[in-house]
C-alpha atoms as a PDB file:
ATOM      1  CA  MET A   1      26.377  34.528  19.748  1.00  0.00           C
ATOM      2  CA  ASP A   2      24.721  33.532  23.181  1.00  0.00           C
ATOM      3  CA  ILE A   3      22.928  36.868  23.092  1.00  0.00           C
ATOM      4  CA  LEU A   4      21.555  36.292  19.599  1.00  0.00           C
ATOM      5  CA  ARG A   5      20.514  32.672  20.425  1.00  0.00           C
ATOM      6  CA  ALA A   6      18.727  33.887  23.455  1.00  0.00           C
ATOM      7  CA  LEU A   7      16.686  36.321  21.490  1.00  0.00           C
ATOM      8  CA  GLU A   8      15.807  33.953  18.965  1.00  0.00           C
ATOM      9  CA  ASN A   9      14.733  31.253  21.640  1.00  0.00           C
ATOM     10  CA  GLU A  10      12.274  33.747  23.181  1.00  0.00           C
ATOM     11  CA  GLN A  11      10.501  34.053  19.557  1.00  0.00           C
ATOM     12  CA  ILE A  12      10.344  30.476  18.769  1.00  0.00           C
ATOM     13  CA  ARG A  13       6.569  29.490  18.963  1.00  0.00           C
ATOM     14  CA  THR A  14       5.782  26.273  20.869  1.00  0.00           C
ATOM     15  CA  ASP A  15       2.004  26.036  20.387  1.00  0.00           C
ATOM     16  CA  LEU A  16       2.183  24.507  17.017  1.00  0.00           C
ATOM     17  CA  PRO A  17       1.814  20.761  16.431  1.00  0.00           C
ATOM     18  CA  ASN A  18       4.560  18.430  15.255  1.00  0.00           C
ATOM     19  CA  MET A  19       4.283  18.876  11.448  1.00  0.00           C
ATOM     20  CA  GLU A  20       6.246  16.609   9.143  1.00  0.00           C
ATOM     21  CA  VAL A  21       6.586  16.338   5.244  1.00  0.00           C
ATOM     22  CA  GLY A  22       3.721  14.846   3.702  1.00  0.00           C
ATOM     23  CA  ASP A  23       0.967  15.903   6.278  1.00  0.00           C
ATOM     24  CA  PHE A  24      -2.131  17.367   4.904  1.00  0.00           C
ATOM     25  CA  ILE A  25      -2.598  20.492   7.207  1.00  0.00           C
ATOM     26  CA  LYS A  26      -4.914  23.588   7.369  1.00  0.00           C
ATOM     27  CA  ILE A  27      -3.253  26.822   8.013  1.00  0.00           C
ATOM     28  CA  HIS A  28      -5.288  29.701   9.447  1.00  0.00           C
ATOM     29  CA  ALA A  29      -3.412  32.741   8.300  1.00  0.00           C
ATOM     30  CA  LYS A  30      -4.242  36.240   9.395  1.00  0.00           C
ATOM     31  CA  ILE A  31      -4.719  38.578   6.211  1.00  0.00           C
ATOM     32  CA  ILE A  32      -4.814  42.372   6.655  1.00  0.00           C
ATOM     33  CA  GLU A  33      -6.733  44.267   3.896  1.00  0.00           C
ATOM     34  CA  GLY A  34      -6.528  47.927   4.651  1.00  0.00           C
ATOM     35  CA  THR A  35      -7.811  48.465   8.221  1.00  0.00           C
ATOM     36  CA  ARG A  36      -9.475  45.183   8.522  1.00  0.00           C
ATOM     37  CA  GLU A  37      -8.018  41.855   9.518  1.00  0.00           C
ATOM     38  CA  ARG A  38      -9.468  38.546   8.710  1.00  0.00           C
ATOM     39  CA  ILE A  39      -8.512  34.680   9.042  1.00  0.00           C
ATOM     40  CA  GLN A  40      -8.098  32.741   5.710  1.00  0.00           C
ATOM     41  CA  VAL A  41      -7.495  29.062   5.709  1.00  0.00           C
ATOM     42  CA  PHE A  42      -5.039  27.499   3.292  1.00  0.00           C
ATOM     43  CA  GLU A  43      -5.218  23.778   3.170  1.00  0.00           C
ATOM     44  CA  GLY A  44      -2.538  21.531   1.318  1.00  0.00           C
ATOM     45  CA  THR A  45       0.106  19.021   1.531  1.00  0.00           C
ATOM     46  CA  ILE A  46       3.526  19.939   2.918  1.00  0.00           C
ATOM     47  CA  ILE A  47       5.867  19.423   0.226  1.00  0.00           C
ATOM     48  CA  GLY A  48       9.140  20.446   1.865  1.00  0.00           C
ATOM     49  CA  MET A  49      10.618  21.979   5.055  1.00  0.00           C
ATOM     50  CA  LYS A  50      13.824  24.044   5.243  1.00  0.00           C
ATOM     51  CA  GLY A  51      15.787  25.989   7.698  1.00  0.00           C
ATOM     52  CA  SER A  52      15.955  25.697  11.579  1.00  0.00           C
ATOM     53  CA  GLY A  53      15.237  27.754  14.580  1.00  0.00           C
ATOM     54  CA  LEU A  54      13.572  31.257  13.950  1.00  0.00           C
ATOM     55  CA  LYS A  55      14.491  31.018  10.119  1.00  0.00           C
ATOM     56  CA  GLU A  56      12.434  27.636   9.648  1.00  0.00           C
ATOM     57  CA  THR A  57       9.988  27.533   6.740  1.00  0.00           C
ATOM     58  CA  PHE A  58       7.605  24.935   5.284  1.00  0.00           C
ATOM     59  CA  THR A  59       6.023  24.856   1.713  1.00  0.00           C
ATOM     60  CA  VAL A  60       2.434  23.973   1.130  1.00  0.00           C
ATOM     61  CA  ARG A  61       0.946  22.791  -1.847  1.00  0.00           C
ATOM     62  CA  ARG A  62      -2.700  22.672  -3.033  1.00  0.00           C
ATOM     63  CA  VAL A  63      -4.497  22.260  -6.389  1.00  0.00           C
ATOM     64  CA  SER A  64      -7.081  24.888  -6.779  1.00  0.00           C
ATOM     65  CA  TYR A  65      -9.460  25.008  -9.815  1.00  0.00           C
ATOM     66  CA  GLY A  66      -6.994  22.747 -11.772  1.00  0.00           C
ATOM     67  CA  VAL A  67      -3.906  24.921 -11.008  1.00  0.00           C
ATOM     68  CA  GLY A  68      -1.235  24.156  -8.534  1.00  0.00           C
ATOM     69  CA  VAL A  69      -0.620  26.765  -5.882  1.00  0.00           C
ATOM     70  CA  GLU A  70       2.281  26.833  -3.490  1.00  0.00           C
ATOM     71  CA  ARG A  71       2.901  29.095  -0.391  1.00  0.00           C
ATOM     72  CA  ILE A  72       5.877  29.305   1.737  1.00  0.00           C
ATOM     73  CA  PHE A  73       5.072  30.150   5.485  1.00  0.00           C
ATOM     74  CA  PRO A  74       7.540  30.904   8.189  1.00  0.00           C
ATOM     75  CA  VAL A  75       6.801  28.643  10.979  1.00  0.00           C
ATOM     76  CA  ASN A  76       7.383  31.397  13.618  1.00  0.00           C
ATOM     77  CA  SER A  77       5.317  33.772  11.977  1.00  0.00           C
ATOM     78  CA  PRO A  78       2.962  35.953  14.087  1.00  0.00           C
ATOM     79  CA  ARG A  79       0.605  35.958  10.925  1.00  0.00           C
ATOM     80  CA  ILE A  80      -0.068  32.359  11.476  1.00  0.00           C
ATOM     81  CA  ASP A  81      -3.241  31.992  13.947  1.00  0.00           C
ATOM     82  CA  HIS A  82      -2.923  28.169  14.479  1.00  0.00           C
ATOM     83  CA  ILE A  83      -2.175  25.196  12.373  1.00  0.00           C
ATOM     84  CA  GLU A  84      -4.571  21.697  12.118  1.00  0.00           C
ATOM     85  CA  ILE A  85      -3.104  18.675  10.909  1.00  0.00           C
ATOM     86  CA  VAL A  86      -5.818  16.841   9.050  1.00  0.00           C
ATOM     87  CA  ARG A  87      -3.985  13.509   8.223  1.00  0.00           C
ATOM     88  CA  LYS A  88      -0.582  12.392   8.489  1.00  0.00           C
ATOM     89  CA  GLY A  89       1.290  11.181   5.442  1.00  0.00           C
ATOM     90  CA  VAL A  90       3.555   8.376   4.700  1.00  0.00           C
ATOM     91  CA  VAL A  91       6.734   9.521   2.804  1.00  0.00           C
ATOM     92  CA  ARG A  92      10.134   8.213   2.159  1.00  0.00           C
ATOM     93  CA  ARG A  93      11.783  11.510   1.296  1.00  0.00           C
ATOM     94  CA  ALA A  94      12.564  14.797   2.608  1.00  0.00           C
ATOM     95  CA  LYS A  95      11.125  16.966  -0.365  1.00  0.00           C
ATOM     96  CA  LEU A  96       7.919  16.052  -2.289  1.00  0.00           C
ATOM     97  CA  TYR A  97       8.783  18.315  -5.469  1.00  0.00           C
ATOM     98  CA  TYR A  98       7.735  15.186  -7.789  1.00  0.00           C
ATOM     99  CA  LEU A  99       3.870  16.099  -6.801  1.00  0.00           C
ATOM    100  CA  ARG A 100       4.285  19.054  -9.070  1.00  0.00           C
ATOM    101  CA  ASP A 101       4.293  16.877 -12.052  1.00  0.00           C
ATOM    102  CA  ARG A 102       1.460  14.426 -11.080  1.00  0.00           C
ATOM    103  CA  VAL A 103      -2.090  15.002 -11.588  1.00  0.00           C
ATOM    104  CA  GLY A 104      -5.383  13.466  -9.931  1.00  0.00           C
ATOM    105  CA  LYS A 105      -4.784  10.408  -7.897  1.00  0.00           C
ATOM    106  CA  ALA A 106      -1.137   9.908  -8.504  1.00  0.00           C
ATOM    107  CA  ALA A 107      -0.709  13.231  -6.692  1.00  0.00           C
ATOM    108  CA  LYS A 108      -1.964  11.870  -3.516  1.00  0.00           C
ATOM    109  CA  VAL A 109       0.202  10.902  -0.471  1.00  0.00           C
ATOM    110  CA  LYS A 110      -0.588   7.724   1.577  1.00  0.00           C
ATOM    111  CA  GLU A 111      -2.254   8.219   5.037  1.00  0.00           C
ATOM    112  CA  ARG A 112      -0.568   7.011   8.144  1.00  0.00           C
ATOM    113  CA  LEU A 113      -2.759   5.037  10.242  1.00  0.00           C
ATOM    114  CA  ILE A 114      -2.482   6.000  13.901  1.00  0.00           C
ATOM    115  CA  LEU A 115      -3.201   3.521  16.533  1.00  0.00           C
ATOM    116  CA  LYS A 116      -4.233   4.928  19.825  1.00  0.00           C
ATOM    117  CA  LYS A 117      -3.320   3.039  23.048  1.00  0.00           C
ATOM    118  CA  VAL A 118      -6.151   2.023  25.265  1.00  0.00           C
END
């Protein structure tokens, strides 16, 4: 088991920001179309995180042209170029699946005010 754990620890990414459920993020994902590769930005709210270690995933939801779109990304995927946190959210639960039934302002997550020490 220690050999497997050592192999997994080598592949875990350390360059990603500290993400939490409720954060509004931009994911720069690498998309391969034929022989060409490009970066596509997917932005939305993290509605759930699952797993641990190398198998950790997070679900991102956004509303595009009135249709809700959810994508599940592996945290340690080489297809993720980088992740930007646009704003931190204030939430009181681990899964925000209730946002699927909400529309408009009711589907928003409150923003956490971050105070910087001077």
